[in-house]
Amino acid sequence: MTVRIGISGWRYGPWRGVFYPRGLPQRSELAYVADRLGTVEINGSFYSLQSPTSYRAWYEQTPPGFLFAVKGGRFITHMKKLAGVDVALANFFASGVLALSDKLGPFLWQLPPNLGFDASRMDDFLGRLPRTTTAAAALAAGHDHRLKEAWTDGGPERPLRHAVEVRHETFRDPAFAELMRAHGVAVVVADTAGKWPFLEEVTADFVYTRLHGDSELYVSGYDDPALDTWAARIRAWHDTGRDVYVYFDNDTKVRAPVDAIALARRLADLLPARVETR
């Protein structure tokens, strides 16, 4: 079991000349991150379908052993609200995510704040998520004409993991955790400075954590005591025999990469061997 610590996204203008060295070409920013952290969460896939060309480029820009989490499209989660999503899911999985090959990590499905817990709707959605690359490729084959470039090659069969981040109080219902556990899908442990529910139910064979800001959403950083607390939580999850993925999303004041590296240093003995914490 290993721990992966990274950031959500990497293309941020304010980071240039602060985290990224002045003059570093934008095309080199992902490689710069990958030299310091072992994972990154692709969030551009939330706003629009990306392309196989982009996914393959990201694969090539990162070293062996690096891992990408991929955020599911908001068309599925926010517009369709998880219902009637067969074609949307096919288009998403055909958009190139499978081109990440052995660097493909878990999928994140972030739900909107106005979507409450509906057991039937959630159960139906979770049941439609592919659990292997072979199943994802079969699903991708059902994409429609709106996808200009498709990738439907699943490569060697590998398991796929899914995590769901909720933002409505009704998800505190114990039935939600039971449903997630039945499907083997992780409930995201999301630190949102108190804005949305903080749930720590472990419902899968891995834990997925998103740190959006200690006291102010997307803005505030994590001081040493806060990072020590998170490091202790992560060690406890790891000690139960689970992989742990952690992504910092407090990007506004360039805290995300700094905090990610600081947390990684505290957990260096649990990180994949190739990951440095410079």
Protein backbone atom coordinates (compact mmCIF):
# COMPACT_ATOMS: atom_id res chain seq x y z
CA MET A 1 0.00 0.00 0.00
CA THR A 2 1.31 3.44 -0.87
CA VAL A 3 0.42 7.08 -0.34
CA ARG A 4 0.17 9.54 -3.22
CA ILE A 5 0.21 13.26 -2.53
CA GLY A 6 -0.31 15.84 -5.24
CA ILE A 7 -2.26 18.83 -6.48
CA SER A 8 -5.48 19.46 -8.36
CA GLY A 9 -4.50 20.88 -11.75
CA TRP A 10 -1.19 22.49 -12.60
CA ARG A 11 -1.87 25.33 -15.06
CA TYR A 12 -2.31 28.43 -12.95
CA GLY A 13 -1.08 31.85 -14.05
CA PRO A 14 -0.31 33.12 -10.52
CA TRP A 15 2.01 30.15 -9.93
CA ARG A 16 4.39 31.33 -12.66
CA GLY A 17 7.39 33.05 -11.19
CA VAL A 18 6.35 31.90 -7.70
CA PHE A 19 6.21 28.09 -7.66
CA TYR A 20 7.31 27.70 -11.26
CA PRO A 21 10.67 29.35 -12.00
CA ARG A 22 10.42 32.54 -13.97
CA GLY A 23 10.78 31.78 -17.66
CA LEU A 24 9.78 28.10 -17.38
CA PRO A 25 7.82 27.26 -20.56
CA GLN A 26 4.18 26.39 -19.90
CA ARG A 27 4.66 23.07 -21.69
CA SER A 28 7.23 22.15 -19.01
CA GLU A 29 5.04 22.84 -15.99
CA LEU A 30 3.62 19.33 -15.65
CA ALA A 31 7.11 17.82 -15.82
CA TYR A 32 8.21 20.28 -13.13
CA VAL A 33 5.38 19.10 -10.87
CA ALA A 34 6.04 15.44 -11.66
CA ASP A 35 9.67 15.87 -10.59
CA ARG A 36 8.45 16.87 -7.12
CA LEU A 37 5.20 15.00 -6.53
CA GLY A 38 3.93 11.54 -7.47
CA THR A 39 0.45 12.41 -8.70
CA VAL A 40 -1.78 15.13 -10.06
CA GLU A 41 -5.52 15.45 -10.43
CA ILE A 42 -6.62 16.36 -13.96
CA ASN A 43 -9.44 18.88 -13.50
CA GLY A 44 -9.72 20.21 -17.05
CA SER A 45 -11.72 17.05 -17.78
CA PHE A 46 -14.41 18.39 -15.46
CA TYR A 47 -15.05 21.46 -17.60
CA SER A 48 -14.88 19.86 -21.03
CA LEU A 49 -13.92 16.65 -22.78
CA GLN A 50 -10.19 16.55 -23.36
CA SER A 51 -8.56 14.74 -26.29
CA PRO A 52 -6.48 11.58 -26.68
CA THR A 53 -3.68 13.82 -27.96
CA SER A 54 -3.65 15.73 -24.68
CA TYR A 55 -3.77 12.62 -22.51
CA ARG A 56 -0.91 11.02 -24.44
CA ALA A 57 1.14 14.22 -24.15
CA TRP A 58 0.61 14.27 -20.39
CA TYR A 59 1.64 10.63 -20.25
CA GLU A 60 4.87 11.41 -22.11
CA GLN A 61 5.66 14.44 -19.94
CA THR A 62 5.72 12.43 -16.72
CA PRO A 63 8.14 9.75 -15.49
CA PRO A 64 7.44 6.05 -14.95
CA GLY A 65 5.43 5.46 -11.79
CA PHE A 66 3.60 8.78 -11.95
CA LEU A 67 -0.18 8.63 -11.52
CA PHE A 68 -3.10 10.75 -12.72
CA ALA A 69 -6.48 11.03 -11.06
CA VAL A 70 -9.14 12.14 -13.55
CA LYS A 71 -12.10 14.31 -12.64
CA GLY A 72 -15.37 13.27 -14.23
CA GLY A 73 -17.21 15.74 -16.44
CA ARG A 74 -19.61 18.27 -14.96
CA PHE A 75 -22.02 17.49 -17.81
CA ILE A 76 -22.56 14.15 -16.07
CA THR A 77 -22.53 15.35 -12.46
CA HIS A 78 -23.91 18.91 -12.60
CA MET A 79 -26.06 19.11 -15.73
CA LYS A 80 -27.42 15.58 -16.04
CA LYS A 81 -27.19 15.11 -12.26
CA LEU A 82 -26.17 11.45 -12.75
CA ALA A 83 -29.38 10.50 -14.59
CA GLY A 84 -29.64 9.40 -18.23
CA VAL A 85 -25.88 9.46 -18.63
CA ASP A 86 -25.16 6.42 -20.82
CA VAL A 87 -23.92 8.37 -23.85
CA ALA A 88 -22.23 11.01 -21.69
CA LEU A 89 -20.27 8.32 -19.87
CA ALA A 90 -19.34 6.68 -23.18
CA ASN A 91 -18.07 10.01 -24.52
CA PHE A 92 -16.11 10.69 -21.35
CA PHE A 93 -14.36 7.32 -21.35
CA ALA A 94 -13.71 7.59 -25.11
CA SER A 95 -12.21 11.08 -24.79
CA GLY A 96 -8.72 9.72 -24.10
CA VAL A 97 -8.56 8.81 -20.42
CA LEU A 98 -7.58 5.24 -21.33
CA ALA A 99 -4.57 6.64 -23.19
CA LEU A 100 -3.05 7.27 -19.75
CA SER A 101 -2.46 3.50 -19.65
CA ASP A 102 -0.51 2.41 -16.55
CA LYS A 103 -0.52 6.00 -15.22
CA LEU A 104 -4.31 6.06 -14.91
CA GLY A 105 -5.37 6.34 -11.28
CA PRO A 106 -8.78 6.86 -9.68
CA PHE A 107 -11.71 8.79 -11.13
CA LEU A 108 -13.23 11.61 -9.11
CA TRP A 109 -16.94 12.41 -9.40
CA GLN A 110 -17.68 15.73 -7.70
CA LEU A 111 -21.38 16.33 -7.13
CA PRO A 112 -22.96 19.82 -7.12
CA PRO A 113 -24.15 21.50 -3.89
CA ASN A 114 -27.77 21.40 -5.06
CA LEU A 115 -27.87 17.63 -5.55
CA GLY A 116 -29.12 15.79 -2.49
CA PHE A 117 -28.89 12.11 -1.68
CA ASP A 118 -31.26 9.92 -3.69
CA ALA A 119 -30.43 6.26 -3.05
CA SER A 120 -31.98 4.98 -6.27
CA ARG A 121 -30.26 7.57 -8.47
CA MET A 122 -26.90 7.03 -6.79
CA ASP A 123 -27.15 3.25 -6.93
CA ASP A 124 -27.96 3.37 -10.64
CA PHE A 125 -25.04 5.70 -11.39
CA LEU A 126 -22.50 3.72 -9.39
CA GLY A 127 -23.62 0.56 -11.13
CA ARG A 128 -22.84 2.09 -14.51
CA LEU A 129 -19.23 2.97 -13.70
CA PRO A 130 -16.69 0.59 -15.30
CA ARG A 131 -14.47 -1.27 -12.85
CA THR A 132 -11.80 -2.39 -15.33
CA THR A 133 -10.10 -0.85 -18.34
CA THR A 134 -11.71 -3.57 -20.46
CA ALA A 135 -15.16 -2.54 -19.28
CA ALA A 136 -14.29 1.13 -19.81
CA ALA A 137 -13.19 0.42 -23.38
CA ALA A 138 -16.45 -1.43 -24.08
CA LEU A 139 -18.39 1.52 -22.68
CA ALA A 140 -16.28 3.98 -24.71
CA ALA A 141 -17.20 2.15 -27.91
CA GLY A 142 -20.72 3.55 -27.49
CA HIS A 143 -19.62 7.17 -27.93
CA ASP A 144 -21.60 9.34 -30.32
CA HIS A 145 -20.73 11.60 -33.25
CA ARG A 146 -20.11 14.62 -31.04
CA LEU A 147 -16.74 13.23 -30.04
CA LYS A 148 -14.29 14.43 -32.70
CA GLU A 149 -11.44 12.14 -31.65
CA ALA A 150 -11.98 8.89 -29.75
CA TRP A 151 -9.75 6.40 -27.90
CA THR A 152 -11.40 3.06 -27.19
CA ASP A 153 -8.34 0.88 -26.59
CA GLY A 154 -8.29 -0.32 -23.00
CA GLY A 155 -4.91 -2.03 -23.28
CA PRO A 156 -4.09 -4.77 -20.77
CA GLU A 157 -6.93 -5.21 -18.29
CA ARG A 158 -6.42 -3.26 -15.07
CA PRO A 159 -8.84 -2.43 -12.27
CA LEU A 160 -10.36 1.05 -12.08
CA ARG A 161 -11.21 2.96 -8.92
CA HIS A 162 -13.87 5.61 -8.37
CA ALA A 163 -14.45 8.23 -5.66
CA VAL A 164 -17.43 10.54 -5.09
CA GLU A 165 -17.23 13.98 -3.47
CA VAL A 166 -20.54 15.26 -2.10
CA ARG A 167 -21.64 18.79 -1.23
CA HIS A 168 -25.12 18.42 0.25
CA GLU A 169 -25.99 17.73 3.89
CA THR A 170 -28.36 14.87 3.02
CA PHE A 171 -25.36 12.69 2.21
CA ARG A 172 -24.73 12.34 5.94
CA ASP A 173 -27.40 9.64 5.78
CA PRO A 174 -25.80 6.30 6.86
CA ALA A 175 -27.54 4.72 3.86
CA PHE A 176 -25.21 6.65 1.57
CA ALA A 177 -22.07 5.16 3.13
CA GLU A 178 -23.65 1.70 3.04
CA LEU A 179 -24.41 2.11 -0.66
CA MET A 180 -20.89 3.30 -1.44
CA ARG A 181 -19.44 0.39 0.51
CA ALA A 182 -21.61 -2.05 -1.42
CA HIS A 183 -20.21 -0.69 -4.70
CA GLY A 184 -16.62 -0.40 -3.42
CA VAL A 185 -16.53 3.32 -4.24
CA ALA A 186 -14.70 5.79 -1.98
CA VAL A 187 -16.42 8.68 -0.23
CA VAL A 188 -14.06 11.63 -0.68
CA VAL A 189 -12.75 13.09 2.56
CA ALA A 190 -13.07 16.77 1.62
CA ASP A 191 -11.74 19.56 3.81
CA THR A 192 -13.74 22.58 2.65
CA ALA A 193 -13.22 24.99 5.56
CA GLY A 194 -16.64 23.99 6.88
CA LYS A 195 -18.60 24.94 3.75
CA TRP A 196 -19.67 21.40 2.76
CA PRO A 197 -19.98 18.10 4.65
CA PHE A 198 -16.82 16.59 6.09
CA LEU A 199 -17.25 12.83 5.84
CA GLU A 200 -14.63 10.33 6.98
CA GLU A 201 -16.43 7.09 6.15
CA VAL A 202 -13.99 4.59 4.62
CA THR A 203 -16.02 2.70 2.04
CA ALA A 204 -13.43 1.25 -0.36
CA ASP A 205 -9.99 -0.32 -0.45
CA PHE A 206 -8.48 3.15 -0.84
CA VAL A 207 -9.01 6.63 0.59
CA TYR A 208 -9.35 9.76 -1.55
CA THR A 209 -8.80 13.12 0.15
CA ARG A 210 -9.16 16.67 -1.21
CA LEU A 211 -7.81 19.59 0.80
CA HIS A 212 -9.49 22.80 -0.37
CA GLY A 213 -8.21 25.12 2.37
CA ASP A 214 -7.79 24.96 6.13
CA SER A 215 -9.82 28.04 7.10
CA GLU A 216 -10.78 29.74 3.82
CA LEU A 217 -11.97 27.79 0.80
CA TYR A 218 -9.40 27.56 -2.03
CA VAL A 219 -7.28 30.27 -0.39
CA SER A 220 -5.75 29.44 2.97
CA GLY A 221 -2.77 27.20 3.42
CA TYR A 222 -2.10 24.52 6.02
CA ASP A 223 0.31 25.38 8.85
CA ASP A 224 2.60 22.87 10.51
CA PRO A 225 0.09 21.66 13.14
CA ALA A 226 -2.58 21.17 10.46
CA LEU A 227 -0.19 19.23 8.23
CA ASP A 228 0.87 17.11 11.21
CA THR A 229 -2.78 16.28 11.87
CA TRP A 230 -3.37 15.28 8.26
CA ALA A 231 -0.18 13.23 8.20
CA ALA A 232 -1.41 11.30 11.26
CA ARG A 233 -4.79 10.65 9.60
CA ILE A 234 -3.13 9.42 6.44
CA ARG A 235 -0.82 7.08 8.37
CA ALA A 236 -3.81 5.64 10.18
CA TRP A 237 -5.64 4.98 6.89
CA HIS A 238 -2.50 3.47 5.39
CA ASP A 239 -2.08 1.22 8.42
CA THR A 240 -5.48 -0.34 7.66
CA GLY A 241 -4.01 -1.67 4.39
CA ARG A 242 -5.35 1.00 2.06
CA ASP A 243 -3.78 3.16 -0.60
CA VAL A 244 -4.30 6.86 0.07
CA TYR A 245 -4.58 9.66 -2.52
CA VAL A 246 -4.37 13.28 -1.35
CA TYR A 247 -4.86 16.35 -3.56
CA PHE A 248 -4.46 19.97 -2.51
CA ASP A 249 -6.89 22.36 -4.19
CA ASN A 250 -6.04 25.58 -2.29
CA ASP A 251 -4.47 27.12 -5.38
CA THR A 252 -5.49 30.80 -5.18
CA LYS A 253 -2.44 32.00 -3.24
CA VAL A 254 -0.07 29.33 -4.54
CA ARG A 255 -0.43 27.26 -1.39
CA ALA A 256 -1.34 23.94 -3.04
CA PRO A 257 2.11 22.86 -4.29
CA VAL A 258 3.89 24.17 -1.22
CA ASP A 259 1.55 22.35 1.15
CA ALA A 260 1.63 19.17 -0.94
CA ILE A 261 5.42 19.04 -0.83
CA ALA A 262 5.43 19.78 2.92
CA LEU A 263 2.96 16.96 3.59
CA ALA A 264 4.89 14.60 1.32
CA ARG A 265 8.02 15.21 3.37
CA ARG A 266 6.18 14.16 6.51
CA LEU A 267 5.15 10.90 4.84
CA ALA A 268 8.23 10.21 2.74
CA ASP A 269 8.54 6.66 4.04
CA LEU A 270 5.09 5.80 2.63
CA LEU A 271 5.54 7.34 -0.82
CA PRO A 272 6.49 5.36 -3.95
CA ALA A 273 10.25 4.96 -4.06
CA ARG A 274 10.79 7.21 -7.08
CA VAL A 275 9.01 10.23 -5.61
CA GLU A 276 11.30 12.92 -4.28
CA THR A 277 10.07 15.69 -1.99
CA ARG A 278 12.24 18.53 -3.14
